[in-house]
Every structure is written in C-alpha cells, then in structure tokens.
C-alpha cells in the first residue's frame, strides 16, 4: 500500500466533471489517502456531496469563460483571480502531493496555483474534443489524462495517457436483468428500452421519443424513461395513449438497476454517460446534445459509432418514424445488439478511476521524490 498522502481534485461545475472526480477520490480514499475536493458554488455540487462526508471540500467562485467582448468578462477575471488566491492559501496549509483537474474553469485556477508552487499537477479530459479550460490548463500540467484516444491531437507536445473516464463507485456491478426489471414494476421477460437525457438537454430527446411512440407501439417492448425535471407527466400521457408499458421518472438514483434492466439505450453522448454504457456493455442509439461546446458530444458519439458500439442520430435531422424503425430493428436483432455490446466494453479502458489514481500516486513520487 502506498504511503498516505494528501491530494486535491478540482471537479465542480457539472456532473460530467464532478462525478468522475468523485470516483477518483473514492479510490484514493480507499488506498488510505486524504482528499480535498475543490468545487463550484453551483447547487449540483452541494447536493452531490451530501452523500460524501468523508471528503473535505472547498467552494471556488470560478465561472465559465465568456467571450472576450462580453460585459461578463471582467467578472470572469475577478472570480478567477479570487479562486487562484484561495488555492494558493489552501495549498500552503494543506500541502498536497498532487493536484488533479477534471476540466472546466473550476479546475483552471487550482492547476495554475499548483504549477506556480511546483506541485505535480494533472488534467483529465473526458471528451473526444478538448474543452477550452483543459487546453489552457494543460500548459501547466505534468501529464494529460484522456477519456478517449481521439482527443490526443488537441494536446500537441504534452504527454498523454488514455485512462478512460472514471465511473461512480455507487453504480456497482450489473444486476440480474429480470430482477432489475421487476424493481421498476415491469415485465421481467419483456425486451426493455432505456431512454435518458443526461444532466442537460433531456427535453430534446423526450420530444423525439414522444413523437416516435406511435411507431413503437406494435413492437414487443417496454420503456424505462428518465425524463429529467419537467417532462415526466407528458411522458406518462404519451405512453399511456399508445398503450406502451413504461416506467417514467425524472431521475433514478440507482442507475445500475436501469442499466441492468436495459437491452438498448437511447441517450445523449456526454462522456460520463458513455463511460457508464461502456462499463455495463450496452448497445445504444446516441442523440448528441446539439448545443454542447464545440460539438464535443458529436465527436464522442462518432467514437462509439466507429467502434461499432452505437448508432448515431442527429437531433436536428431526427425523423420520429425512422428513429422508431431503428429502435424496433435493433430490439428485434439480438445478435446485432450482442456485437454492439461487445464493442461498447472495449471502447474505453475498464477501471478508469484506479488508473487515474495510479498516475497521481506515481506522478507525485517521480516529480518530487516524496
């Protein structure tokens, strides 16, 4: 076992940054290390951390970077400077062995402060296209950790390691399929479609599926639809009208049940969701969020499509009848789904949280001799 050390993980702002950061923190904690989490002032960070009292946390005032001509840009600089100053003071007291940034501008100031104090620091990029904050922060880091190999060209001259994107420990392992379906009040033997929109952009997928429902009702399937906050009642009305058996909920906190129950998933293409689909070896129809920065969800979806793990549908061009036909064909073709499932589990490395923790442990030893 490694000598206990203190690590800092900057991971706030969105679920795509926070949950992978928490996954790494869990592994480091299990290995006997102490972890300080640097998060944003957003409610998502506060809510998610309620179940993790074992970790210290500090809120930073950093905000996303607006355009240079935006009237919000001076505020962005002010908040960034405040975060940088806070991190310098924290590091003087906490003495971290290494600092990990999970992306977004919540991680930029912590990495700059670590670089200035000569603390080993690392950045993790989950997507196939690097975000602006990570491209900037990579100049100050020892190594860049990648969720997908396709992202390496965005970091020329930097040492990159493909670790995959860490997955939350509370997802657990796949459950018995029939038992998982029963937990949702569904038929344990009926083919099951899981529909989910991720932390943003759920409404677009919901509307497409509602319009596709009349073309799905003749297919022998049932649906688990995680609608997000606003569309659960509308979903119930649509599926009931078409006579489709469905479990509808805004969210489901035991996602291992939902993944275990599913034969096929319709999803956005955020990096965290794709990592979970890969871990659970699930075939999918990916409908990327069309307004994601730099169309990074499109590139993520392309990586899964090119590996044979998913079908890729553009939201702006999605035809409800064609989408329904695609879903029906996939649900009827077990061999095709098996091939896609086998491909899904190979797209990303398994055990990403442990691989990232390994890099942090080895990196701080190599760089500092501690």
Foldseek 3Di string as FASTA:
>chain_A
DFDAFEEEEEFEDFPLRNQLSVLLVVVSVVVPYAYEYEYEPDPVNVVVCVVPPSHHYDYADADAADDPPDPCRVVNVVSLVRRLVVLLVVCVVRVGLEYEYADGSSRQSNLVSCLVVLRAYEYEALFLARDPSCLVSQVSHQAYEYQAPNHVVSNPPGHYHDLHGGAHCLLPAADAQLVLQVVLVHHSPFAEEEEEEGPDDLVLSVVLQLVLLLLQLVFRYAYEYQRADDCQVVSVVSCVVSVHHYRYHVDDPNCSSVLNNHQEYEYEQRSRVLSVCLRSLFAYEYAHDCPPPVSRSVVSVVLLVVLLQYHYDYSVPDDSNVVSVVVRVSSVDSVSRNSNSVSSNVRGDPPSSVVVSVCSSVVSCVSPVD
